C-alpha atoms as a PDB file:
ATOM      1  CA  UNK A   1      -0.297   0.000  -0.207  1.00  0.00           C
ATOM      2  CA  UNK A   2       2.882   2.492   1.164  1.00  0.00           C
ATOM      3  CA  UNK A   3       4.700   1.288  -2.098  1.00  0.00           C
ATOM      4  CA  UNK A   4       1.664   1.760  -4.359  1.00  0.00           C
ATOM      5  CA  UNK A   5       1.028   5.781  -2.879  1.00  0.00           C
ATOM      6  CA  UNK A   6       4.901   6.211  -3.166  1.00  0.00           C
ATOM      7  CA  UNK A   7       4.835   5.289  -6.800  1.00  0.00           C
ATOM      8  CA  UNK A   8       1.113   7.446  -7.103  1.00  0.00           C
ATOM      9  CA  UNK A   9       2.750  10.591  -5.418  1.00  0.00           C
ATOM     10  CA  UNK A  10       6.128  10.403  -7.630  1.00  0.00           C
ATOM     11  CA  UNK A  11       3.752  10.059 -10.573  1.00  0.00           C
ATOM     12  CA  UNK A  12       2.118  13.150  -9.824  1.00  0.00           C
ATOM     13  CA  UNK A  13       5.036  15.013  -8.716  1.00  0.00           C
ATOM     14  CA  UNK A  14       6.875  14.348 -12.202  1.00  0.00           C
ATOM     15  CA  UNK A  15       3.267  15.185 -13.919  1.00  0.00           C
ATOM     16  CA  UNK A  16       2.928  18.434 -12.569  1.00  0.00           C
ATOM     17  CA  UNK A  17       6.445  19.519 -12.948  1.00  0.00           C
ATOM     18  CA  UNK A  18       6.687  18.306 -16.560  1.00  0.00           C
ATOM     19  CA  UNK A  19       3.710  19.912 -17.657  1.00  0.00           C
ATOM     20  CA  UNK A  20       6.405  23.274 -18.682  1.00  0.00           C
ATOM     21  CA  UNK A  21       8.608  21.256 -20.315  1.00  0.00           C
ATOM     22  CA  UNK A  22       5.859  19.597 -22.262  1.00  0.00           C
ATOM     23  CA  UNK A  23       4.291  22.955 -23.072  1.00  0.00           C
ATOM     24  CA  UNK A  24       7.747  24.148 -23.996  1.00  0.00           C
ATOM     25  CA  UNK A  25       9.094  21.172 -26.137  1.00  0.00           C
ATOM     26  CA  UNK A  26       5.537  20.121 -27.748  1.00  0.00           C
ATOM     27  CA  UNK A  27       4.483  23.668 -28.305  1.00  0.00           C
ATOM     28  CA  UNK A  28       3.351  24.569 -30.844  1.00  0.00           C
ATOM     29  CA  UNK A  29       1.567  21.145 -32.499  1.00  0.00           C
ATOM     30  CA  UNK A  30      -0.389  22.679 -34.483  1.00  0.00           C
ATOM     31  CA  UNK A  31      -0.964  26.120 -36.906  1.00  0.00           C
ATOM     32  CA  UNK A  32      -1.028  29.189 -34.556  1.00  0.00           C
ATOM     33  CA  UNK A  33      -2.883  32.223 -35.639  1.00  0.00           C
ATOM     34  CA  UNK A  34      -1.640  35.863 -35.440  1.00  0.00           C
ATOM     35  CA  UNK A  35      -4.779  38.386 -35.799  1.00  0.00           C
ATOM     36  CA  UNK A  36      -4.452  41.557 -36.891  1.00  0.00           C
ATOM     37  CA  UNK A  37      -7.398  44.293 -36.019  1.00  0.00           C
ATOM     38  CA  UNK A  38      -6.561  45.939 -39.209  1.00  0.00           C
ATOM     39  CA  UNK A  39      -6.781  45.107 -43.061  1.00  0.00           C
ATOM     40  CA  UNK A  40      -4.016  43.915 -45.281  1.00  0.00           C
ATOM     41  CA  UNK A  41      -2.150  47.059 -46.289  1.00  0.00           C
ATOM     42  CA  UNK A  42      -1.629  48.376 -42.870  1.00  0.00           C
ATOM     43  CA  UNK A  43       1.617  48.633 -40.642  1.00  0.00           C
ATOM     44  CA  UNK A  44       0.073  46.183 -37.860  1.00  0.00           C
ATOM     45  CA  UNK A  45      -0.256  43.658 -40.645  1.00  0.00           C
ATOM     46  CA  UNK A  46       3.002  44.406 -42.434  1.00  0.00           C
ATOM     47  CA  UNK A  47       4.970  43.884 -39.309  1.00  0.00           C
ATOM     48  CA  UNK A  48       2.575  40.685 -38.114  1.00  0.00           C
ATOM     49  CA  UNK A  49       3.947  39.259 -41.587  1.00  0.00           C
ATOM     50  CA  UNK A  50       7.773  39.780 -41.092  1.00  0.00           C
ATOM     51  CA  UNK A  51       7.453  37.948 -37.422  1.00  0.00           C
ATOM     52  CA  UNK A  52       4.638  35.099 -38.329  1.00  0.00           C
ATOM     53  CA  UNK A  53       7.080  34.391 -41.674  1.00  0.00           C
ATOM     54  CA  UNK A  54      10.001  33.727 -39.220  1.00  0.00           C
ATOM     55  CA  UNK A  55       8.330  32.364 -36.772  1.00  0.00           C
ATOM     56  CA  UNK A  56       7.105  29.501 -39.507  1.00  0.00           C
ATOM     57  CA  UNK A  57      10.346  28.577 -39.903  1.00  0.00           C
ATOM     58  CA  UNK A  58      11.682  28.413 -36.661  1.00  0.00           C
ATOM     59  CA  UNK A  59       8.610  26.250 -35.600  1.00  0.00           C
ATOM     60  CA  UNK A  60       8.320  24.400 -38.507  1.00  0.00           C
ATOM     61  CA  UNK A  61       5.041  25.231 -38.558  1.00  0.00           C
ATOM     62  CA  UNK A  62       2.169  27.409 -40.027  1.00  0.00           C
ATOM     63  CA  UNK A  63       1.391  30.825 -38.457  1.00  0.00           C
ATOM     64  CA  UNK A  64      -1.196  32.451 -40.270  1.00  0.00           C
ATOM     65  CA  UNK A  65      -2.096  36.116 -40.363  1.00  0.00           C
ATOM     66  CA  UNK A  66      -5.782  36.520 -40.022  1.00  0.00           C
ATOM     67  CA  UNK A  67      -7.084  40.231 -40.288  1.00  0.00           C
ATOM     68  CA  UNK A  68     -10.170  41.384 -38.420  1.00  0.00           C
ATOM     69  CA  UNK A  69     -10.637  44.802 -38.940  1.00  0.00           C
ATOM     70  CA  UNK A  70     -12.587  47.210 -37.293  1.00  0.00           C
ATOM     71  CA  UNK A  71     -13.251  49.804 -34.023  1.00  0.00           C
ATOM     72  CA  UNK A  72      -9.830  50.632 -34.889  1.00  0.00           C
ATOM     73  CA  UNK A  73      -8.320  47.439 -33.630  1.00  0.00           C
ATOM     74  CA  UNK A  74     -11.143  46.851 -31.214  1.00  0.00           C
ATOM     75  CA  UNK A  75     -13.226  44.408 -32.435  1.00  0.00           C
ATOM     76  CA  UNK A  76      -9.574  41.692 -32.916  1.00  0.00           C
ATOM     77  CA  UNK A  77      -8.706  42.349 -29.419  1.00  0.00           C
ATOM     78  CA  UNK A  78     -12.149  41.630 -28.354  1.00  0.00           C
ATOM     79  CA  UNK A  79     -11.982  38.093 -30.209  1.00  0.00           C
ATOM     80  CA  UNK A  80      -8.387  36.736 -29.355  1.00  0.00           C
ATOM     81  CA  UNK A  81      -9.826  37.988 -25.716  1.00  0.00           C
ATOM     82  CA  UNK A  82     -12.491  35.152 -26.190  1.00  0.00           C
ATOM     83  CA  UNK A  83      -9.979  32.348 -27.624  1.00  0.00           C
ATOM     84  CA  UNK A  84      -8.714  29.645 -25.582  1.00  0.00           C
ATOM     85  CA  UNK A  85      -5.460  29.867 -23.734  1.00  0.00           C
ATOM     86  CA  UNK A  86      -3.774  27.180 -25.725  1.00  0.00           C
ATOM     87  CA  UNK A  87      -1.157  29.392 -27.556  1.00  0.00           C
ATOM     88  CA  UNK A  88      -3.012  28.818 -31.219  1.00  0.00           C
ATOM     89  CA  UNK A  89      -4.503  32.436 -31.173  1.00  0.00           C
ATOM     90  CA  UNK A  90      -1.956  35.296 -30.647  1.00  0.00           C
ATOM     91  CA  UNK A  91      -3.050  39.066 -31.303  1.00  0.00           C
ATOM     92  CA  UNK A  92      -0.771  41.805 -32.601  1.00  0.00           C
ATOM     93  CA  UNK A  93      -1.652  44.053 -29.893  1.00  0.00           C
ATOM     94  CA  UNK A  94      -1.805  47.804 -30.830  1.00  0.00           C
ATOM     95  CA  UNK A  95      -1.482  51.493 -29.153  1.00  0.00           C
ATOM     96  CA  UNK A  96      -5.258  51.436 -30.054  1.00  0.00           C
ATOM     97  CA  UNK A  97      -6.272  48.402 -28.503  1.00  0.00           C
ATOM     98  CA  UNK A  98      -4.102  48.275 -25.368  1.00  0.00           C
ATOM     99  CA  UNK A  99      -3.490  52.045 -24.830  1.00  0.00           C
ATOM    100  CA  UNK A 100      -6.444  54.258 -26.325  1.00  0.00           C
ATOM    101  CA  UNK A 101      -9.515  52.329 -26.143  1.00  0.00           C
ATOM    102  CA  UNK A 102      -9.039  51.805 -22.510  1.00  0.00           C
ATOM    103  CA  UNK A 103     -10.159  55.926 -22.274  1.00  0.00           C
ATOM    104  CA  UNK A 104     -12.228  56.493 -25.173  1.00  0.00           C
ATOM    105  CA  UNK A 105     -14.619  53.409 -24.694  1.00  0.00           C
ATOM    106  CA  UNK A 106     -16.101  53.560 -21.624  1.00  0.00           C
ATOM    107  CA  UNK A 107     -18.127  50.147 -22.483  1.00  0.00           C
ATOM    108  CA  UNK A 108     -14.992  48.175 -23.598  1.00  0.00           C
ATOM    109  CA  UNK A 109     -15.904  44.333 -23.379  1.00  0.00           C
ATOM    110  CA  UNK A 110     -12.175  43.381 -22.080  1.00  0.00           C
ATOM    111  CA  UNK A 111     -10.187  44.541 -19.888  1.00  0.00           C
ATOM    112  CA  UNK A 112      -6.313  44.668 -20.754  1.00  0.00           C
ATOM    113  CA  UNK A 113      -4.849  43.485 -17.211  1.00  0.00           C
ATOM    114  CA  UNK A 114      -6.891  40.809 -16.754  1.00  0.00           C
ATOM    115  CA  UNK A 115      -7.611  39.395 -20.079  1.00  0.00           C
ATOM    116  CA  UNK A 116      -4.515  39.269 -21.970  1.00  0.00           C
ATOM    117  CA  UNK A 117      -1.069  38.483 -21.650  1.00  0.00           C
ATOM    118  CA  UNK A 118       1.664  41.044 -22.538  1.00  0.00           C
ATOM    119  CA  UNK A 119       4.195  38.822 -24.454  1.00  0.00           C
ATOM    120  CA  UNK A 120       6.527  40.807 -26.002  1.00  0.00           C
ATOM    121  CA  UNK A 121       7.004  44.479 -27.620  1.00  0.00           C
ATOM    122  CA  UNK A 122       7.756  44.019 -31.646  1.00  0.00           C
ATOM    123  CA  UNK A 123       8.631  47.815 -32.196  1.00  0.00           C
ATOM    124  CA  UNK A 124       7.834  51.482 -31.681  1.00  0.00           C
ATOM    125  CA  UNK A 125       7.203  53.903 -34.821  1.00  0.00           C
ATOM    126  CA  UNK A 126       6.522  57.328 -35.404  1.00  0.00           C
ATOM    127  CA  UNK A 127       3.736  58.491 -37.182  1.00  0.00           C
ATOM    128  CA  UNK A 128       4.558  60.197 -40.449  1.00  0.00           C
ATOM    129  CA  UNK A 129       2.433  63.677 -41.442  1.00  0.00           C
ATOM    130  CA  UNK A 130       1.914  63.011 -44.998  1.00  0.00           C
ATOM    131  CA  UNK A 131      -0.013  64.907 -47.725  1.00  0.00           C
ATOM    132  CA  UNK A 132      -1.263  63.395 -50.743  1.00  0.00           C
ATOM    133  CA  UNK A 133       0.288  64.374 -54.314  1.00  0.00           C
ATOM    134  CA  UNK A 134      -2.415  66.807 -55.023  1.00  0.00           C
ATOM    135  CA  UNK A 135      -1.479  69.074 -52.041  1.00  0.00           C
ATOM    136  CA  UNK A 136       0.783  72.121 -52.230  1.00  0.00           C
ATOM    137  CA  UNK A 137       1.360  73.007 -48.726  1.00  0.00           C
ATOM    138  CA  UNK A 138       3.902  70.289 -47.143  1.00  0.00           C
ATOM    139  CA  UNK A 139       5.413  72.110 -44.560  1.00  0.00           C
ATOM    140  CA  UNK A 140       3.905  71.938 -41.084  1.00  0.00           C
ATOM    141  CA  UNK A 141       3.867  76.344 -41.128  1.00  0.00           C
ATOM    142  CA  UNK A 142       2.207  75.975 -44.183  1.00  0.00           C
ATOM    143  CA  UNK A 143      -0.613  73.330 -43.063  1.00  0.00           C
ATOM    144  CA  UNK A 144      -1.291  74.989 -40.323  1.00  0.00           C
ATOM    145  CA  UNK A 145      -1.863  78.097 -42.643  1.00  0.00           C
ATOM    146  CA  UNK A 146      -4.019  76.143 -44.802  1.00  0.00           C
ATOM    147  CA  UNK A 147      -6.299  75.301 -41.573  1.00  0.00           C
ATOM    148  CA  UNK A 148      -6.248  78.512 -40.062  1.00  0.00           C
ATOM    149  CA  UNK A 149      -7.679  79.429 -43.328  1.00  0.00           C
ATOM    150  CA  UNK A 150     -10.379  77.011 -43.964  1.00  0.00           C
ATOM    151  CA  UNK A 151     -11.577  76.047 -40.315  1.00  0.00           C
ATOM    152  CA  UNK A 152     -12.994  72.339 -40.455  1.00  0.00           C
ATOM    153  CA  UNK A 153     -12.588  71.809 -44.243  1.00  0.00           C
ATOM    154  CA  UNK A 154      -8.620  70.626 -44.461  1.00  0.00           C
ATOM    155  CA  UNK A 155      -9.286  66.589 -44.152  1.00  0.00           C
ATOM    156  CA  UNK A 156      -7.230  64.538 -42.019  1.00  0.00           C
ATOM    157  CA  UNK A 157      -7.557  60.381 -42.002  1.00  0.00           C
ATOM    158  CA  UNK A 158      -6.983  57.877 -40.183  1.00  0.00           C
ATOM    159  CA  UNK A 159      -7.411  54.571 -39.175  1.00  0.00           C
ATOM    160  CA  UNK A 160     -10.259  54.963 -37.107  1.00  0.00           C
ATOM    161  CA  UNK A 161     -12.141  56.964 -34.703  1.00  0.00           C
ATOM    162  CA  UNK A 162      -9.865  56.667 -31.514  1.00  0.00           C
ATOM    163  CA  UNK A 163      -6.991  55.312 -33.426  1.00  0.00           C
ATOM    164  CA  UNK A 164      -3.501  56.485 -33.134  1.00  0.00           C
ATOM    165  CA  UNK A 165      -3.483  59.062 -36.059  1.00  0.00           C
ATOM    166  CA  UNK A 166      -6.964  60.412 -34.421  1.00  0.00           C
ATOM    167  CA  UNK A 167      -4.839  61.032 -31.360  1.00  0.00           C
ATOM    168  CA  UNK A 168      -2.035  62.525 -33.140  1.00  0.00           C
ATOM    169  CA  UNK A 169      -4.538  64.405 -35.288  1.00  0.00           C
ATOM    170  CA  UNK A 170      -6.403  66.048 -31.532  1.00  0.00           C
ATOM    171  CA  UNK A 171      -3.003  66.119 -30.505  1.00  0.00           C
ATOM    172  CA  UNK A 172      -1.783  68.865 -33.471  1.00  0.00           C
ATOM    173  CA  UNK A 173      -5.171  70.365 -33.168  1.00  0.00           C
ATOM    174  CA  UNK A 174      -4.605  71.315 -29.612  1.00  0.00           C
ATOM    175  CA  UNK A 175      -1.283  72.371 -30.181  1.00  0.00           C
ATOM    176  CA  UNK A 176      -1.666  74.455 -33.360  1.00  0.00           C
ATOM    177  CA  UNK A 177      -5.203  75.860 -32.130  1.00  0.00           C
ATOM    178  CA  UNK A 178      -6.648  75.298 -35.584  1.00  0.00           C
ATOM    179  CA  UNK A 179      -9.705  72.833 -36.176  1.00  0.00           C
ATOM    180  CA  UNK A 180      -9.624  70.313 -39.291  1.00  0.00           C
ATOM    181  CA  UNK A 181     -11.522  67.809 -40.303  1.00  0.00           C
ATOM    182  CA  UNK A 182     -11.208  64.281 -39.388  1.00  0.00           C
ATOM    183  CA  UNK A 183     -11.909  61.345 -41.592  1.00  0.00           C
ATOM    184  CA  UNK A 184     -11.913  57.995 -39.919  1.00  0.00           C
ATOM    185  CA  UNK A 185     -11.293  54.560 -42.149  1.00  0.00           C
ATOM    186  CA  UNK A 186     -11.012  50.908 -41.220  1.00  0.00           C
ATOM    187  CA  UNK A 187      -7.363  50.568 -41.557  1.00  0.00           C
ATOM    188  CA  UNK A 188      -4.741  52.451 -42.891  1.00  0.00           C
ATOM    189  CA  UNK A 189      -4.810  50.340 -46.204  1.00  0.00           C
ATOM    190  CA  UNK A 190      -8.082  52.023 -47.673  1.00  0.00           C
ATOM    191  CA  UNK A 191      -7.118  55.251 -46.262  1.00  0.00           C
ATOM    192  CA  UNK A 192      -3.758  55.432 -48.016  1.00  0.00           C
ATOM    193  CA  UNK A 193      -5.792  54.249 -50.869  1.00  0.00           C
ATOM    194  CA  UNK A 194      -8.056  57.226 -50.350  1.00  0.00           C
ATOM    195  CA  UNK A 195      -5.054  59.400 -49.618  1.00  0.00           C
ATOM    196  CA  UNK A 196      -2.974  58.654 -52.839  1.00  0.00           C
ATOM    197  CA  UNK A 197      -6.362  59.249 -54.764  1.00  0.00           C
ATOM    198  CA  UNK A 198      -6.625  63.003 -53.386  1.00  0.00           C
ATOM    199  CA  UNK A 199      -9.804  61.793 -51.690  1.00  0.00           C
ATOM    200  CA  UNK A 200      -8.433  63.124 -48.647  1.00  0.00           C
ATOM    201  CA  UNK A 201      -5.492  65.148 -48.103  1.00  0.00           C
ATOM    202  CA  UNK A 202      -3.339  64.409 -45.081  1.00  0.00           C
ATOM    203  CA  UNK A 203      -2.683  62.203 -42.429  1.00  0.00           C
ATOM    204  CA  UNK A 204      -0.797  61.101 -39.103  1.00  0.00           C
ATOM    205  CA  UNK A 205      -0.630  57.510 -40.916  1.00  0.00           C
ATOM    206  CA  UNK A 206       1.883  54.869 -39.395  1.00  0.00           C
ATOM    207  CA  UNK A 207       5.557  55.104 -40.282  1.00  0.00           C
ATOM    208  CA  UNK A 208       5.180  51.350 -40.711  1.00  0.00           C
ATOM    209  CA  UNK A 209       2.035  51.516 -43.448  1.00  0.00           C
ATOM    210  CA  UNK A 210       3.329  54.977 -45.161  1.00  0.00           C
ATOM    211  CA  UNK A 211       6.909  54.443 -45.578  1.00  0.00           C
ATOM    212  CA  UNK A 212       6.725  52.245 -48.338  1.00  0.00           C
ATOM    213  CA  UNK A 213       4.152  55.107 -50.504  1.00  0.00           C
ATOM    214  CA  UNK A 214       6.899  57.874 -49.241  1.00  0.00           C
ATOM    215  CA  UNK A 215       9.517  55.753 -51.008  1.00  0.00           C
ATOM    216  CA  UNK A 216       7.958  55.892 -54.242  1.00  0.00           C
ATOM    217  CA  UNK A 217       7.111  59.234 -54.319  1.00  0.00           C
ATOM    218  CA  UNK A 218       2.869  58.431 -54.147  1.00  0.00           C
ATOM    219  CA  UNK A 219       2.709  60.464 -50.938  1.00  0.00           C
ATOM    220  CA  UNK A 220       4.768  63.344 -49.151  1.00  0.00           C
ATOM    221  CA  UNK A 221       6.272  62.717 -46.347  1.00  0.00           C
ATOM    222  CA  UNK A 222       6.442  66.224 -43.937  1.00  0.00           C
ATOM    223  CA  UNK A 223       7.326  65.344 -40.577  1.00  0.00           C
ATOM    224  CA  UNK A 224       7.533  62.354 -38.245  1.00  0.00           C
ATOM    225  CA  UNK A 225       6.508  62.295 -34.590  1.00  0.00           C
ATOM    226  CA  UNK A 226       8.834  61.086 -32.343  1.00  0.00           C
ATOM    227  CA  UNK A 227      11.428  63.363 -30.441  1.00  0.00           C
ATOM    228  CA  UNK A 228      14.178  61.817 -32.378  1.00  0.00           C
ATOM    229  CA  UNK A 229      14.543  60.966 -36.298  1.00  0.00           C
ATOM    230  CA  UNK A 230      14.039  57.489 -37.058  1.00  0.00           C
ATOM    231  CA  UNK A 231      16.340  55.552 -38.705  1.00  0.00           C
ATOM    232  CA  UNK A 232      15.067  54.497 -41.394  1.00  0.00           C
ATOM    233  CA  UNK A 233      13.781  58.394 -42.386  1.00  0.00           C
ATOM    234  CA  UNK A 234      16.654  60.809 -41.454  1.00  0.00           C
ATOM    235  CA  UNK A 235      15.646  63.440 -43.433  1.00  0.00           C
ATOM    236  CA  UNK A 236      12.282  63.681 -42.980  1.00  0.00           C
ATOM    237  CA  UNK A 237      12.492  66.236 -39.840  1.00  0.00           C
ATOM    238  CA  UNK A 238      10.177  65.970 -36.302  1.00  0.00           C
ATOM    239  CA  UNK A 239       7.369  67.938 -35.205  1.00  0.00           C
ATOM    240  CA  UNK A 240       9.619  69.752 -32.632  1.00  0.00           C
ATOM    241  CA  UNK A 241      12.234  70.710 -35.276  1.00  0.00           C
ATOM    242  CA  UNK A 242       9.143  72.375 -36.884  1.00  0.00           C
ATOM    243  CA  UNK A 243       7.924  74.514 -33.859  1.00  0.00           C
ATOM    244  CA  UNK A 244       5.749  71.933 -31.865  1.00  0.00           C
ATOM    245  CA  UNK A 245       7.794  71.220 -28.325  1.00  0.00           C
ATOM    246  CA  UNK A 246       7.209  67.973 -26.818  1.00  0.00           C
ATOM    247  CA  UNK A 247       5.310  66.906 -29.889  1.00  0.00           C
ATOM    248  CA  UNK A 248       5.655  62.759 -29.602  1.00  0.00           C
ATOM    249  CA  UNK A 249       2.698  60.500 -31.046  1.00  0.00           C
ATOM    250  CA  UNK A 250       3.810  56.964 -31.329  1.00  0.00           C
ATOM    251  CA  UNK A 251       2.156  53.697 -32.823  1.00  0.00           C
ATOM    252  CA  UNK A 252       3.737  50.555 -31.190  1.00  0.00           C
ATOM    253  CA  UNK A 253       3.058  46.557 -31.879  1.00  0.00           C
ATOM    254  CA  UNK A 254       3.532  43.787 -29.763  1.00  0.00           C
ATOM    255  CA  UNK A 255       2.139  40.213 -29.585  1.00  0.00           C
ATOM    256  CA  UNK A 256      -0.339  39.759 -26.884  1.00  0.00           C
ATOM    257  CA  UNK A 257      -1.861  36.306 -25.612  1.00  0.00           C
ATOM    258  CA  UNK A 258      -5.534  35.411 -24.342  1.00  0.00           C
ATOM    259  CA  UNK A 259      -5.662  35.867 -20.373  1.00  0.00           C
ATOM    260  CA  UNK A 260      -4.565  32.367 -19.197  1.00  0.00           C
ATOM    261  CA  UNK A 261      -1.762  31.603 -21.472  1.00  0.00           C
ATOM    262  CA  UNK A 262       0.488  29.361 -19.577  1.00  0.00           C
ATOM    263  CA  UNK A 263       3.248  31.243 -18.747  1.00  0.00           C
ATOM    264  CA  UNK A 264       6.195  28.251 -20.199  1.00  0.00           C
ATOM    265  CA  UNK A 265       4.177  29.059 -23.597  1.00  0.00           C
ATOM    266  CA  UNK A 266       4.076  33.160 -23.293  1.00  0.00           C
ATOM    267  CA  UNK A 267       8.008  32.718 -22.499  1.00  0.00           C
ATOM    268  CA  UNK A 268       8.941  30.841 -25.323  1.00  0.00           C
ATOM    269  CA  UNK A 269       7.068  33.117 -27.888  1.00  0.00           C
ATOM    270  CA  UNK A 270       9.287  36.075 -26.091  1.00  0.00           C
ATOM    271  CA  UNK A 271      12.489  34.292 -26.388  1.00  0.00           C
ATOM    272  CA  UNK A 272      11.480  33.140 -29.873  1.00  0.00           C
ATOM    273  CA  UNK A 273      10.357  36.906 -31.404  1.00  0.00           C
ATOM    274  CA  UNK A 274      13.477  38.442 -30.109  1.00  0.00           C
ATOM    275  CA  UNK A 275      15.299  36.062 -31.855  1.00  0.00           C
ATOM    276  CA  UNK A 276      13.457  36.797 -34.936  1.00  0.00           C
ATOM    277  CA  UNK A 277      13.663  40.411 -34.006  1.00  0.00           C
ATOM    278  CA  UNK A 278      17.264  40.468 -33.639  1.00  0.00           C
ATOM    279  CA  UNK A 279      18.238  38.664 -37.019  1.00  0.00           C
ATOM    280  CA  UNK A 280      20.123  41.325 -39.625  1.00  0.00           C
ATOM    281  CA  UNK A 281      17.401  41.197 -42.227  1.00  0.00           C
ATOM    282  CA  UNK A 282      14.496  41.662 -40.027  1.00  0.00           C
ATOM    283  CA  UNK A 283      16.459  44.332 -38.331  1.00  0.00           C
ATOM    284  CA  UNK A 284      16.887  46.433 -41.568  1.00  0.00           C
ATOM    285  CA  UNK A 285      12.926  45.454 -42.205  1.00  0.00           C
ATOM    286  CA  UNK A 286      12.520  47.102 -38.949  1.00  0.00           C
ATOM    287  CA  UNK A 287      14.889  50.192 -39.625  1.00  0.00           C
ATOM    288  CA  UNK A 288      12.910  51.163 -42.993  1.00  0.00           C
ATOM    289  CA  UNK A 289       9.132  50.975 -41.206  1.00  0.00           C
ATOM    290  CA  UNK A 290      10.738  52.921 -38.788  1.00  0.00           C
ATOM    291  CA  UNK A 291      10.102  50.246 -35.893  1.00  0.00           C
ATOM    292  CA  UNK A 292      12.555  50.446 -32.734  1.00  0.00           C
ATOM    293  CA  UNK A 293      13.153  49.649 -29.238  1.00  0.00           C
ATOM    294  CA  UNK A 294      11.411  46.195 -29.722  1.00  0.00           C
ATOM    295  CA  UNK A 295      12.474  43.523 -27.514  1.00  0.00           C
ATOM    296  CA  UNK A 296      13.102  42.359 -24.416  1.00  0.00           C
ATOM    297  CA  UNK A 297      11.263  40.747 -21.344  1.00  0.00           C
ATOM    298  CA  UNK A 298       7.385  40.390 -21.028  1.00  0.00           C
ATOM    299  CA  UNK A 299       7.580  42.648 -18.029  1.00  0.00           C
ATOM    300  CA  UNK A 300       9.164  45.498 -19.938  1.00  0.00           C
ATOM    301  CA  UNK A 301       6.139  45.003 -21.964  1.00  0.00           C
ATOM    302  CA  UNK A 302       3.547  44.621 -19.335  1.00  0.00           C
ATOM    303  CA  UNK A 303       4.994  48.217 -17.919  1.00  0.00           C
ATOM    304  CA  UNK A 304       5.116  49.647 -21.402  1.00  0.00           C
ATOM    305  CA  UNK A 305       1.264  49.251 -21.466  1.00  0.00           C
ATOM    306  CA  UNK A 306       0.793  50.197 -18.207  1.00  0.00           C
ATOM    307  CA  UNK A 307       2.875  53.698 -18.698  1.00  0.00           C
ATOM    308  CA  UNK A 308       0.873  54.002 -22.290  1.00  0.00           C
ATOM    309  CA  UNK A 309      -2.292  53.986 -20.753  1.00  0.00           C
ATOM    310  CA  UNK A 310      -1.967  56.227 -18.108  1.00  0.00           C
ATOM    311  CA  UNK A 311      -0.540  58.723 -20.564  1.00  0.00           C
ATOM    312  CA  UNK A 312      -2.723  58.906 -23.251  1.00  0.00           C
ATOM    313  CA  UNK A 313      -6.018  58.602 -20.392  1.00  0.00           C
ATOM    314  CA  UNK A 314      -4.153  61.905 -19.968  1.00  0.00           C
ATOM    315  CA  UNK A 315      -4.283  63.430 -23.225  1.00  0.00           C
ATOM    316  CA  UNK A 316      -7.872  61.808 -24.100  1.00  0.00           C
ATOM    317  CA  UNK A 317      -8.994  64.195 -20.495  1.00  0.00           C
ATOM    318  CA  UNK A 318      -7.587  66.957 -21.464  1.00  0.00           C
ATOM    319  CA  UNK A 319      -8.345  67.443 -25.030  1.00  0.00           C
ATOM    320  CA  UNK A 320     -11.595  66.307 -23.996  1.00  0.00           C
ATOM    321  CA  UNK A 321     -11.948  63.616 -27.208  1.00  0.00           C
ATOM    322  CA  UNK A 322     -15.006  61.466 -27.383  1.00  0.00           C
ATOM    323  CA  UNK A 323     -15.615  58.882 -29.779  1.00  0.00           C
ATOM    324  CA  UNK A 324     -19.251  56.791 -30.509  1.00  0.00           C
ATOM    325  CA  UNK A 325     -19.159  53.305 -28.805  1.00  0.00           C
END
């Protein structure tokens, strides 16, 4: 009896101790989805595909990018928050869903802290203030003058009400003391198509999404919105350099999982994505897009998200920004 009990106890202990190892060794044992809250062609989609392609090779398993656009990324976050916490579904978390929405949407159906496990920060980018091909005002000073001359008529596109582009525009309006027309879209892809087609005039677009079109000459880069110039756009002046002291409105991206994602799986993804971000060809792509300061620990990403929620909560309150729920 004692021998049988001892064997059973030893077996139970081994099973308990073996759980992390089994997770780490066997996962992923099937396709993994990275859900993106915007249509193809935007910055979030572009970075997700860079990471997914490398992880597919590393894991010898399919890593699929799945686009679920709507409500500036919030619909995708809501969806992932309800998925099984087995590592098969991840979210390319975004400033919109994880820093802006908690302040802008009081009826949000998820809690960033409770319903998500932060895994790794992929990158922080400036926004680029870009002008459509027909625009003659292509300095910040001239755009301010245009908005002053035509209050409420100069159009700025965003990836949705409450998006990072929208909040950058609100910050600009406050500092410049001008009014402008906000035109929300369901993501950067359709926004950029209309900008290049001269349906709208300007946008504080993510650098990741805007860069290919700036490089091809289809749109004009007027300014960037971090305090320092991004490596990929050394010739584009910052908003601060053009008279907007302290103007910093970034967009950031990172991987997160549903709220009960096992720690061993989250740790494995963190390690592997850090390895991906260190690859020279990936680093070159990230620099081109202006995505910097990615990687690091899960704890670093968790603290970063908390600081962003606090920062943008203040901006939303001070600027009295409201969006339709």
